[in-house]
Structure formats: C-alpha cells, structure tokens
Protein backbone atom coordinates (compact mmCIF):
# COMPACT_ATOMS: atom_id res chain seq x y z
CA MET A 1 42.63 81.96 127.08
CA ALA A 2 44.67 84.28 129.23
CA ASP A 3 47.94 83.03 130.59
CA HIS A 4 48.15 83.89 134.31
CA ASN A 5 51.39 83.61 136.24
CA MET A 6 51.55 82.76 139.92
CA ALA A 7 52.42 85.67 142.20
CA ASP A 8 55.57 85.47 144.30
CA LEU A 9 54.51 85.50 147.98
CA ASN A 10 57.85 87.05 149.00
CA ASP A 11 57.28 90.08 146.76
CA THR A 12 57.00 93.35 148.70
CA LEU A 13 53.85 94.42 146.86
CA VAL A 14 52.15 91.13 147.67
CA GLN A 15 53.18 91.29 151.34
CA ALA A 16 51.92 94.88 151.56
CA SER A 17 48.45 93.97 150.29
CA VAL A 18 47.74 90.53 151.80
CA LYS A 19 48.23 88.83 155.17
CA ILE A 20 49.66 85.30 154.91
CA ASP A 21 49.10 82.84 157.79
CA ASP A 22 51.06 79.60 157.45
CA GLY A 23 48.89 77.81 160.04
CA CYS A 24 51.81 76.54 162.13
CA ASP A 25 52.06 76.69 165.91
CA HIS A 26 55.32 78.52 166.64
CA SER A 27 54.87 78.82 170.42
CA GLN A 28 57.45 76.13 171.30
CA ARG A 29 59.99 77.75 168.96
CA ILE A 30 59.43 81.14 170.62
CA VAL A 31 60.03 79.64 174.07
CA TRP A 32 63.11 77.82 172.74
CA SER A 33 64.58 81.08 171.36
CA MET A 34 63.89 82.92 174.64
CA ASN A 35 65.92 80.26 176.49
CA GLN A 36 68.94 80.39 174.15
CA LYS A 37 71.18 82.41 176.49
CA ARG A 38 70.38 80.03 179.35
CA TYR A 39 71.23 77.06 177.14
CA ILE A 40 74.54 78.67 176.15
CA ARG A 41 75.42 79.49 179.77
CA ASN A 42 74.70 75.91 180.90
CA GLY A 43 76.49 74.34 177.93
CA LEU A 44 73.34 72.77 176.44
CA SER A 45 72.36 72.68 172.80
CA PRO A 46 68.85 71.25 172.42
CA ALA A 47 67.48 70.86 168.93
CA ARG A 48 65.03 73.42 167.60
CA PRO A 49 61.48 72.12 168.18
CA PRO A 50 59.20 71.56 165.20
CA ALA A 51 56.34 73.89 164.31
CA PRO A 52 53.41 71.53 163.70
CA GLN A 53 50.71 72.44 161.20
CA VAL A 54 47.53 73.14 163.20
CA ALA A 55 45.39 74.97 160.64
CA ALA A 56 45.12 75.42 156.92
CA VAL A 57 47.15 78.10 155.16
CA ARG A 58 45.17 81.34 154.81
CA ILE A 59 45.79 84.32 152.57
CA GLU A 60 43.57 87.30 153.44
CA PRO A 61 43.56 90.86 152.12
CA LYS A 62 44.78 93.46 154.61
CA LYS A 63 42.02 95.73 155.83
CA LYS A 64 42.35 99.34 154.78
CA PRO A 65 42.09 101.95 157.52
CA ARG A 66 38.86 103.91 157.77
CA LYS A 67 39.12 107.34 156.22
CA ARG A 68 38.22 110.04 158.71
CA GLY A 69 36.23 113.12 157.82
CA HIS A 70 37.94 116.46 157.32
CA ARG A 71 36.09 118.11 160.21
CA VAL A 72 37.08 115.38 162.68
CA VAL A 73 40.75 115.81 161.78
CA GLN A 74 40.51 119.59 162.03
CA GLN A 75 38.92 119.31 165.49
CA ALA A 76 41.65 116.94 166.60
CA ILE A 77 44.38 119.44 165.77
CA GLY A 78 42.37 122.37 167.16
CA ALA A 79 41.90 124.29 163.92
CA VAL A 80 38.10 124.48 164.16
C-alpha cells in the first residue's frame, strides 16, 4: 500500500490550486473591524464577535482561465 501524507493547507502551492471555504459567517467581525476607530475614539473596547459555522467546509479546485485563440488576441491588439 502507498503511504500518503496529508497536504498542508497553508502551503503556497496548495493555496494557488484550490479555494478553501471555512463555512463561517464573518459579517459581524467585518462590521466590528470597521467600527474600531469609533470604539477607540469613544473609549470603548467591545469583544470581538464570534464567527459561527453556517456551512460545511469546502475545498474546491480553482477554475483555470479560458485560453483565447491567437486570432482573437491579435485582433485585440490591432495586429490583424
């Protein structure tokens, strides 16, 4: 049997080839970070809100861009 190792999700090659969705709702954290300067000005320090899990974790391959034909590219730059 072949011995397969788990891939490191923080590896640059892995992040370049797959899209990782953690399934958490970060909207409240985004609003909290936008209000940070207001909180500092008013002397408040509210706790960072949680990011609840709303969907399952998904790992999908990134879609490769469509390759355009040579003639289309030449027309776009005005060579033909």
